[in-house]
Protein backbone atom coordinates (compact mmCIF):
# COMPACT_ATOMS: atom_id res chain seq x y z
CA MET A 1 46.18 -13.86 -11.88
CA PRO A 2 44.51 -17.14 -12.96
CA THR A 3 40.73 -17.05 -13.35
CA VAL A 4 38.05 -19.68 -12.85
CA ALA A 5 35.88 -20.93 -15.70
CA VAL A 6 32.39 -20.40 -14.27
CA LYS A 7 29.32 -20.43 -16.48
CA PRO A 8 27.66 -16.98 -16.73
CA GLU A 9 24.22 -18.46 -16.04
CA LEU A 10 25.48 -19.51 -12.59
CA ILE A 11 26.58 -15.96 -11.88
CA ARG A 12 23.16 -14.67 -12.95
CA TRP A 13 21.46 -17.38 -10.86
CA ALA A 14 23.40 -16.39 -7.75
CA VAL A 15 22.54 -12.70 -8.24
CA THR A 16 18.83 -13.39 -8.70
CA ARG A 17 18.72 -15.90 -5.84
CA SER A 18 20.33 -13.45 -3.41
CA GLY A 19 17.68 -10.78 -3.88
CA LEU A 20 20.40 -8.16 -3.44
CA PRO A 21 20.32 -4.97 -5.57
CA THR A 22 22.52 -5.32 -8.64
CA ASP A 23 24.08 -1.88 -8.13
CA GLN A 24 25.14 -2.91 -4.63
CA LEU A 25 26.84 -6.01 -6.00
CA VAL A 26 28.49 -4.06 -8.82
CA ARG A 27 30.07 -1.71 -6.29
CA LYS A 28 31.65 -4.70 -4.58
CA PHE A 29 32.42 -6.60 -7.80
CA PRO A 30 33.11 -4.02 -10.56
CA LYS A 31 33.40 -6.71 -13.24
CA LEU A 32 30.11 -8.39 -12.35
CA LYS A 33 28.37 -7.48 -15.62
CA GLU A 34 31.23 -8.99 -17.61
CA TRP A 35 30.98 -12.16 -15.45
CA GLN A 36 27.25 -12.31 -16.19
CA THR A 37 27.84 -12.18 -19.95
CA GLY A 38 30.88 -14.47 -19.90
CA ASP A 39 33.17 -11.79 -21.34
CA LYS A 40 35.39 -12.06 -18.25
CA GLN A 41 35.92 -14.60 -15.47
CA PRO A 42 36.52 -14.09 -11.72
CA THR A 43 39.59 -15.27 -9.88
CA PHE A 44 39.18 -18.08 -7.36
CA ARG A 45 39.26 -15.61 -4.47
CA GLN A 46 36.75 -13.30 -6.18
CA LEU A 47 34.42 -16.25 -6.76
CA GLU A 48 34.66 -17.21 -3.09
CA GLN A 49 33.79 -13.68 -2.04
CA PHE A 50 30.99 -13.49 -4.58
CA ALA A 51 29.43 -16.76 -3.36
CA ARG A 52 29.69 -15.60 0.26
CA THR A 53 28.13 -12.22 -0.53
CA THR A 54 25.25 -13.70 -2.55
CA MET A 55 24.78 -16.53 0.00
CA ALA A 56 25.16 -19.11 -2.78
CA PRO A 57 26.71 -22.53 -2.07
CA PHE A 58 30.30 -22.24 -3.28
CA GLY A 59 30.25 -25.72 -4.78
CA ALA A 60 27.23 -24.79 -6.91
CA MET A 61 29.35 -22.26 -8.80
CA PHE A 62 31.15 -25.13 -10.53
CA LEU A 63 28.03 -26.89 -11.84
CA ASP A 64 27.04 -27.02 -15.49
CA ALA A 65 23.66 -25.41 -14.75
CA PRO A 66 21.94 -23.74 -11.78
CA PRO A 67 20.61 -26.29 -9.27
CA GLN A 68 16.87 -26.81 -8.89
CA GLU A 69 16.06 -25.76 -5.34
CA SER A 70 12.83 -26.19 -3.42
CA LEU A 71 11.61 -25.31 0.04
CA PRO A 72 11.77 -28.26 2.45
CA VAL A 73 8.20 -27.59 3.67
CA PRO A 74 4.87 -26.97 1.91
CA ASP A 75 4.70 -23.41 0.60
CA PHE A 76 1.45 -21.51 1.24
CA ARG A 77 2.82 -18.07 0.38
CA THR A 78 0.91 -15.94 -2.11
CA ARG A 79 0.94 -12.48 -3.61
CA ASP A 80 -2.20 -11.09 -5.23
CA ASN A 81 -3.77 -14.55 -4.78
CA SER A 82 -1.02 -16.22 -6.84
CA PRO A 83 1.57 -18.66 -5.40
CA LEU A 84 5.05 -17.26 -4.88
CA GLU A 85 7.76 -19.15 -6.76
CA ASN A 86 10.91 -17.46 -5.49
CA PHE A 87 12.45 -17.76 -2.05
CA SER A 88 15.55 -16.23 -0.57
CA PRO A 89 18.64 -17.87 0.95
CA ASN A 90 17.59 -16.23 4.22
CA LEU A 91 14.35 -18.22 4.30
CA ILE A 92 16.07 -21.49 3.33
CA ASP A 93 18.81 -21.04 5.94
CA THR A 94 16.27 -20.18 8.65
CA ILE A 95 14.16 -23.28 7.92
CA GLN A 96 17.26 -25.49 7.90
CA THR A 97 18.42 -24.05 11.24
CA MET A 98 15.03 -24.77 12.77
CA GLN A 99 15.08 -28.30 11.36
CA GLN A 100 18.47 -28.89 12.98
CA ARG A 101 17.20 -27.60 16.32
CA GLN A 102 14.06 -29.68 16.03
CA ALA A 103 16.06 -32.83 15.27
CA TRP A 104 18.25 -32.26 18.33
CA MET A 105 15.27 -31.47 20.56
CA ARG A 106 13.44 -34.59 19.40
CA GLU A 107 16.45 -36.80 20.19
CA TRP A 108 16.92 -35.09 23.57
CA LEU A 109 13.29 -35.55 24.57
CA ILE A 110 13.24 -39.24 23.58
CA GLU A 111 16.49 -39.86 25.47
CA ASP A 112 15.04 -37.99 28.47
CA GLY A 113 11.97 -40.23 28.52
CA GLY A 114 9.56 -37.78 26.94
CA ASP A 115 6.23 -38.85 25.47
CA GLU A 116 4.64 -38.06 22.14
CA LEU A 117 2.28 -35.07 22.11
CA GLU A 118 -1.21 -36.43 21.50
CA PHE A 119 -2.58 -33.21 20.06
CA VAL A 120 -0.16 -33.04 17.09
CA GLY A 121 -2.17 -34.03 14.00
CA SER A 122 -5.16 -34.95 16.18
CA VAL A 123 -7.83 -33.29 14.01
CA ASP A 124 -8.74 -32.93 10.36
CA LYS A 125 -10.08 -29.99 8.38
CA GLN A 126 -13.65 -31.22 8.75
CA ARG A 127 -13.77 -30.34 12.44
CA ASN A 128 -16.05 -27.50 13.47
CA VAL A 129 -14.15 -24.19 13.63
CA ASN A 130 -15.67 -23.03 16.92
CA SER A 131 -15.22 -26.35 18.70
CA LEU A 132 -11.58 -26.64 17.59
CA ALA A 133 -10.81 -23.10 18.78
CA GLN A 134 -12.32 -24.00 22.13
CA ARG A 135 -10.47 -27.32 22.25
CA ILE A 136 -7.12 -25.62 21.67
CA ARG A 137 -7.88 -22.98 24.33
CA GLN A 138 -8.74 -25.71 26.82
CA HIS A 139 -5.52 -27.61 26.11
CA LEU A 140 -3.57 -24.41 26.73
CA GLU A 141 -5.61 -23.92 29.93
CA LEU A 142 -7.05 -20.65 28.66
CA ASP A 143 -10.73 -19.77 28.88
CA ALA A 144 -12.65 -17.69 26.35
CA ASP A 145 -11.93 -14.54 28.40
CA TRP A 146 -8.25 -15.37 28.95
CA ALA A 147 -6.92 -12.07 27.65
CA GLU A 148 -9.34 -9.66 29.29
CA LEU A 149 -7.42 -9.43 32.58
CA LEU A 150 -4.18 -8.59 30.80
CA SER A 151 -3.17 -4.97 30.37
CA SER A 152 -2.29 -5.00 26.65
CA TRP A 153 -2.17 -7.14 23.53
CA GLU A 154 1.62 -7.24 23.86
CA ASP A 155 1.14 -8.92 27.25
CA ALA A 156 -1.41 -11.24 25.65
CA LEU A 157 1.13 -12.26 23.00
CA GLN A 158 3.71 -13.11 25.65
CA ALA A 159 1.19 -15.00 27.79
CA LEU A 160 0.03 -16.99 24.80
CA ARG A 161 3.58 -17.87 23.77
CA LYS A 162 4.32 -19.14 27.30
CA ALA A 163 1.12 -21.22 27.31
CA ILE A 164 2.06 -22.76 23.95
CA GLU A 165 5.54 -23.65 25.14
CA ARG A 166 4.16 -25.16 28.35
CA VAL A 167 2.29 -27.84 26.37
CA GLY A 168 5.44 -28.91 24.51
CA ILE A 169 5.63 -26.72 21.40
CA ASN A 170 8.94 -24.98 20.72
CA VAL A 171 8.44 -21.35 19.72
CA PHE A 172 11.31 -19.49 18.04
CA SER A 173 11.37 -15.97 16.65
CA ASN A 174 13.92 -13.83 14.88
CA GLY A 175 14.13 -10.90 12.51
CA VAL A 176 17.51 -11.87 11.02
CA VAL A 177 19.35 -15.04 10.06
CA GLY A 178 20.95 -16.25 13.28
CA LEU A 179 22.86 -13.33 14.77
CA ASN A 180 23.66 -11.73 11.41
CA ASN A 181 22.04 -8.29 11.35
CA HIS A 182 23.18 -7.94 7.73
CA ARG A 183 20.74 -10.68 6.73
CA PRO A 184 17.29 -9.41 7.71
CA LEU A 185 14.22 -11.59 7.20
CA ASP A 186 11.64 -10.04 4.90
CA PRO A 187 8.07 -10.14 6.29
CA GLU A 188 6.79 -9.64 2.75
CA GLU A 189 8.40 -12.99 1.90
CA PHE A 190 7.12 -14.89 4.95
CA ARG A 191 5.55 -14.21 8.34
CA GLY A 192 6.32 -17.59 9.85
CA PHE A 193 6.37 -21.34 9.41
CA VAL A 194 5.61 -24.50 11.34
CA LEU A 195 7.43 -27.85 11.46
CA CYS A 196 5.25 -30.58 12.95
CA ASP A 197 6.63 -33.49 14.95
CA ALA A 198 5.07 -35.77 17.56
CA PHE A 199 7.83 -34.96 20.08
CA ALA A 200 9.14 -31.50 19.17
CA PRO A 201 6.85 -29.37 16.99
CA VAL A 202 8.37 -26.01 16.03
CA ILE A 203 6.70 -22.67 15.40
CA PHE A 204 8.81 -19.85 13.96
CA LEU A 205 7.73 -16.20 13.95
CA ASN A 206 9.35 -13.56 11.74
CA ASP A 207 10.21 -10.77 14.18
CA ALA A 208 10.75 -8.38 11.30
CA ASP A 209 6.98 -8.39 10.89
CA THR A 210 4.73 -5.91 12.64
CA LYS A 211 4.11 -6.77 16.27
CA SER A 212 0.42 -6.24 15.63
CA ALA A 213 0.34 -9.18 13.19
CA ARG A 214 2.43 -11.68 15.17
CA ILE A 215 -0.27 -12.87 17.55
CA PHE A 216 -2.50 -13.84 14.61
CA THR A 217 0.41 -15.58 12.88
CA LEU A 218 1.22 -17.45 16.09
CA VAL A 219 -2.31 -18.83 16.45
CA HIS A 220 -2.50 -19.63 12.73
CA GLU A 221 0.66 -21.73 13.10
CA LEU A 222 -0.74 -23.31 16.27
CA VAL A 223 -3.74 -24.61 14.34
CA HIS A 224 -1.32 -26.15 11.83
CA VAL A 225 0.17 -28.17 14.71
CA TRP A 226 -3.26 -29.56 15.61
CA LEU A 227 -3.70 -30.50 11.95
CA GLY A 228 -0.20 -31.96 11.82
CA LYS A 229 0.64 -30.04 8.64
CA ASP A 230 3.96 -28.25 8.02
CA GLY A 231 3.94 -25.00 6.10
CA VAL A 232 5.50 -21.62 5.42
CA PHE A 233 3.19 -18.67 4.85
CA ASN A 234 3.08 -14.92 4.52
CA LEU A 235 -0.64 -14.25 5.23
CA GLU A 236 -0.68 -11.24 2.92
CA ARG A 237 -2.67 -8.52 4.70
CA LEU A 238 -3.53 -11.20 7.26
CA LEU A 239 -5.52 -13.00 4.57
CA PRO A 240 -4.68 -16.64 3.75
CA ALA A 241 -3.99 -18.28 0.44
CA LYS A 242 -7.09 -19.63 -1.28
CA GLU A 243 -6.21 -23.12 -0.13
CA GLU A 244 -8.39 -25.29 2.08
CA THR A 245 -5.89 -25.77 4.92
CA GLU A 246 -4.96 -22.10 5.06
CA LEU A 247 -8.56 -20.90 5.01
CA PHE A 248 -9.43 -23.31 7.81
CA CYS A 249 -6.43 -22.29 9.96
CA ASN A 250 -7.31 -18.63 9.58
CA ARG A 251 -10.91 -19.20 10.59
CA VAL A 252 -9.89 -21.10 13.71
CA ALA A 253 -7.23 -18.52 14.60
CA ALA A 254 -9.75 -15.70 14.30
CA GLU A 255 -12.28 -17.55 16.48
CA PHE A 256 -9.58 -18.37 19.03
CA LEU A 257 -8.59 -14.73 19.47
CA ILE A 258 -12.00 -13.08 19.14
CA PRO A 259 -14.98 -15.43 19.57
CA GLY A 260 -17.56 -14.42 16.97
CA TYR A 261 -20.54 -14.44 19.33
CA LYS A 262 -18.75 -12.08 21.72
CA LEU A 263 -17.90 -9.53 19.04
CA ARG A 264 -21.40 -9.62 17.56
CA GLU A 265 -22.87 -9.04 21.02
CA ARG A 266 -20.67 -6.01 21.63
CA TRP A 267 -20.61 -4.58 18.10
CA PRO A 268 -23.50 -2.15 18.84
CA GLU A 269 -21.22 -0.55 21.45
CA VAL A 270 -18.68 0.35 18.78
CA SER A 271 -18.77 3.93 17.59
CA PRO A 272 -17.47 4.42 14.03
CA SER A 273 -16.29 7.91 14.92
CA SER A 274 -14.16 6.85 17.92
CA LYS A 275 -11.54 4.46 16.55
CA PRO A 276 -13.68 1.29 16.56
CA PHE A 277 -10.85 -1.19 16.04
CA GLN A 278 -8.87 0.24 18.94
CA THR A 279 -11.98 -0.24 21.08
CA ILE A 280 -12.31 -3.89 20.05
CA ALA A 281 -8.59 -4.36 20.61
CA ARG A 282 -8.93 -3.17 24.21
CA TRP A 283 -11.78 -5.60 24.82
CA PHE A 284 -10.05 -8.72 23.50
CA LYS A 285 -6.38 -7.73 24.04
CA VAL A 286 -5.46 -8.11 20.40
CA SER A 287 -3.91 -5.55 18.11
CA PRO A 288 -6.24 -3.12 16.29
CA VAL A 289 -5.37 -4.69 12.93
CA VAL A 290 -6.38 -8.15 14.19
CA ALA A 291 -9.61 -6.61 15.51
CA ALA A 292 -10.27 -5.16 12.06
CA ARG A 293 -9.48 -8.52 10.48
CA ARG A 294 -12.07 -10.23 12.69
CA ALA A 295 -14.71 -7.58 11.93
CA LEU A 296 -14.10 -8.33 8.25
CA ASP A 297 -14.54 -12.09 8.87
CA LEU A 298 -17.93 -11.47 10.45
CA ASP A 299 -19.06 -9.10 7.66
CA LEU A 300 -19.23 -6.20 10.10
CA ILE A 301 -17.06 -4.07 7.81
CA SER A 302 -16.23 -4.12 4.10
CA ARG A 303 -12.98 -5.33 2.54
CA SER A 304 -12.17 -1.79 1.45
CA GLU A 305 -12.54 -0.56 5.05
CA PHE A 306 -10.24 -3.31 6.28
CA PHE A 307 -7.57 -2.70 3.62
CA GLN A 308 -7.62 1.05 4.27
CA PHE A 309 -7.08 0.52 7.99
CA TYR A 310 -4.46 -2.21 7.44
CA GLU A 311 -2.32 -0.02 5.18
CA ALA A 312 -2.56 2.92 7.58
CA ASP A 313 -1.55 0.70 10.51
CA ARG A 314 1.41 -0.68 8.57
CA ALA A 315 2.55 2.80 7.54
CA GLU A 316 2.54 3.88 11.19
CA TRP A 317 4.56 0.80 12.15
CA LEU A 318 7.15 1.45 9.42
CA GLN A 319 7.53 5.02 10.64
CA ARG A 320 8.01 3.86 14.24
CA LYS A 321 10.56 1.32 13.04
CA MET A 322 12.53 4.04 11.24
CA ASP A 323 12.45 6.22 14.37
CA VAL A 324 13.86 3.35 16.46
CA ARG A 325 16.65 2.80 13.92
CA LYS A 326 17.58 6.47 14.08
CA LYS A 327 17.97 6.20 17.85
CA LYS A 328 20.26 3.19 17.27
CA SER A 329 18.83 1.36 20.25
CA ARG A 330 20.39 -2.11 20.50
CA GLY A 331 18.34 -3.38 23.42
CA ASN A 332 19.36 -6.19 25.76
CA PHE A 333 21.28 -8.88 23.87
CA TYR A 334 20.47 -11.69 26.29
CA ALA A 335 16.79 -10.81 26.52
CA THR A 336 16.65 -10.78 22.73
CA GLN A 337 18.33 -14.19 22.59
CA GLY A 338 15.84 -15.52 25.09
CA ALA A 339 12.97 -14.50 22.81
CA ARG A 340 14.72 -15.85 19.73
CA LEU A 341 15.50 -19.28 21.19
CA GLY A 342 12.36 -19.79 23.23
CA ARG A 343 12.03 -21.06 26.77
CA ARG A 344 11.83 -24.82 26.14
CA PHE A 345 14.69 -25.09 23.69
CA SER A 346 17.09 -22.81 25.57
CA SER A 347 16.42 -24.61 28.87
CA ALA A 348 17.03 -28.02 27.25
CA VAL A 349 20.30 -27.01 25.57
CA VAL A 350 21.67 -25.32 28.69
CA ARG A 351 20.73 -28.29 30.86
CA ALA A 352 22.29 -30.75 28.41
CA ALA A 353 25.53 -28.75 28.28
CA ARG A 354 25.82 -28.21 32.02
CA GLU A 355 25.11 -31.91 32.71
CA GLY A 356 27.77 -32.95 30.22
CA ARG A 357 25.28 -34.73 27.99
CA ILE A 358 26.33 -32.75 24.93
CA LEU A 359 29.60 -31.04 24.05
CA TYR A 360 29.75 -27.30 24.54
CA GLN A 361 30.71 -27.10 20.89
CA ASP A 362 27.28 -28.55 20.05
CA ALA A 363 25.56 -26.11 22.41
CA TYR A 364 27.37 -23.25 20.68
CA ARG A 365 26.21 -24.48 17.29
CA LEU A 366 22.59 -24.89 18.42
CA THR A 367 22.33 -21.46 20.03
CA GLY A 368 24.66 -19.38 17.88
CA MET A 369 26.56 -18.26 20.97
CA LYS A 370 29.92 -19.42 22.24
CA GLY A 371 32.43 -19.03 25.06
CA ALA A 372 31.71 -16.50 27.77
CA THR A 373 28.64 -15.24 25.91
CA PHE A 374 27.02 -18.67 26.08
CA GLN A 375 28.02 -19.15 29.72
CA THR A 376 26.43 -15.83 30.71
CA TYR A 377 23.29 -16.71 28.80
CA ALA A 378 23.21 -20.18 30.40
CA ASP A 379 23.41 -18.64 33.88
CA LEU A 380 20.44 -16.39 33.07
CA VAL A 381 18.41 -19.31 31.73
CA LEU A 382 19.06 -21.41 34.85
CA LYS A 383 18.16 -18.46 37.08
CA ARG A 384 14.88 -18.05 35.21
CA VAL A 385 14.10 -21.76 35.65
CA ARG A 386 14.83 -21.57 39.39
CA ASP A 387 12.70 -18.45 39.82
CA GLU A 388 9.77 -20.10 38.04
CA ARG A 389 9.95 -23.13 40.34
CA GLU A 390 9.88 -21.03 43.51
């Protein structure tokens, strides 16, 4: 069977770019090592399958050299205080999907007579941390004690997400690329990103991350919107890159969730022998790891104490995650899609489709659902909107 003359460096580039284990690829493509050295060449069909498996653009396999790729947003990711240089196809595809949704949402809002959001890019890094945290809370119509009446930090996360969407910010979340459970998003690579826009700012949360870290990531990204600065970040151990914008966003996020004066006032009530971070978490309705992070900010604990607790918390989460996988619980598909697509975006797409202002084919593309699945989801979205109005 005829083979395709593909340069071995392109095969090696596709393997490295995919992040997939080489032994896994060799099982699917037994001649992969010979392709990598140039001793043998794949057939056209094999090359198609290889590009699909490694998530490489098929056209790139015919280039003279690997293409130079870059992330379409500023990259604040670090590891051991050094910038990360590699990024996966999963991250690139997720950012591009969010950009497409943002572009559609922007056009829809302008056509629908929407106004620009005055708070996007309304401050600079010189603003006082405490006053900006308070300003953002006020815009979201949340007071300093907003979380205390809620029963848990999980409820606080949901309440905060709703408040953010109410002011015009689109919040998306997912733990995989689209609906493809074979393409999980790696929280070690990124926790989230933000795409600023005067009409349709977008915040994306990596749902593969620990739930305990997401509320901090969400507020960190929210501060980016007020600064008007795009970015993708991993917040390694909830600590930012040593970059001015990231340090500022983290300080504001910490103050937003746990006002420093309140924690200092109540710190004498904390007993080191009775799970102190769980106690703080109950007070402020944050996760224990966020409580520990704030205690570190205020020099109430040492870095070694924080890292020890953080690693223990993460180990517990990984164990719980494994237990859930063993039970093979799939959850509610439509509820999951609602969380992934967000309230504002899903309502806009469903309304546009049902009013005939966009083709259903476009609605399918924007949501990742089609046919009867989309229609069922659309009915649920419209019911939610009606219930909220009553």
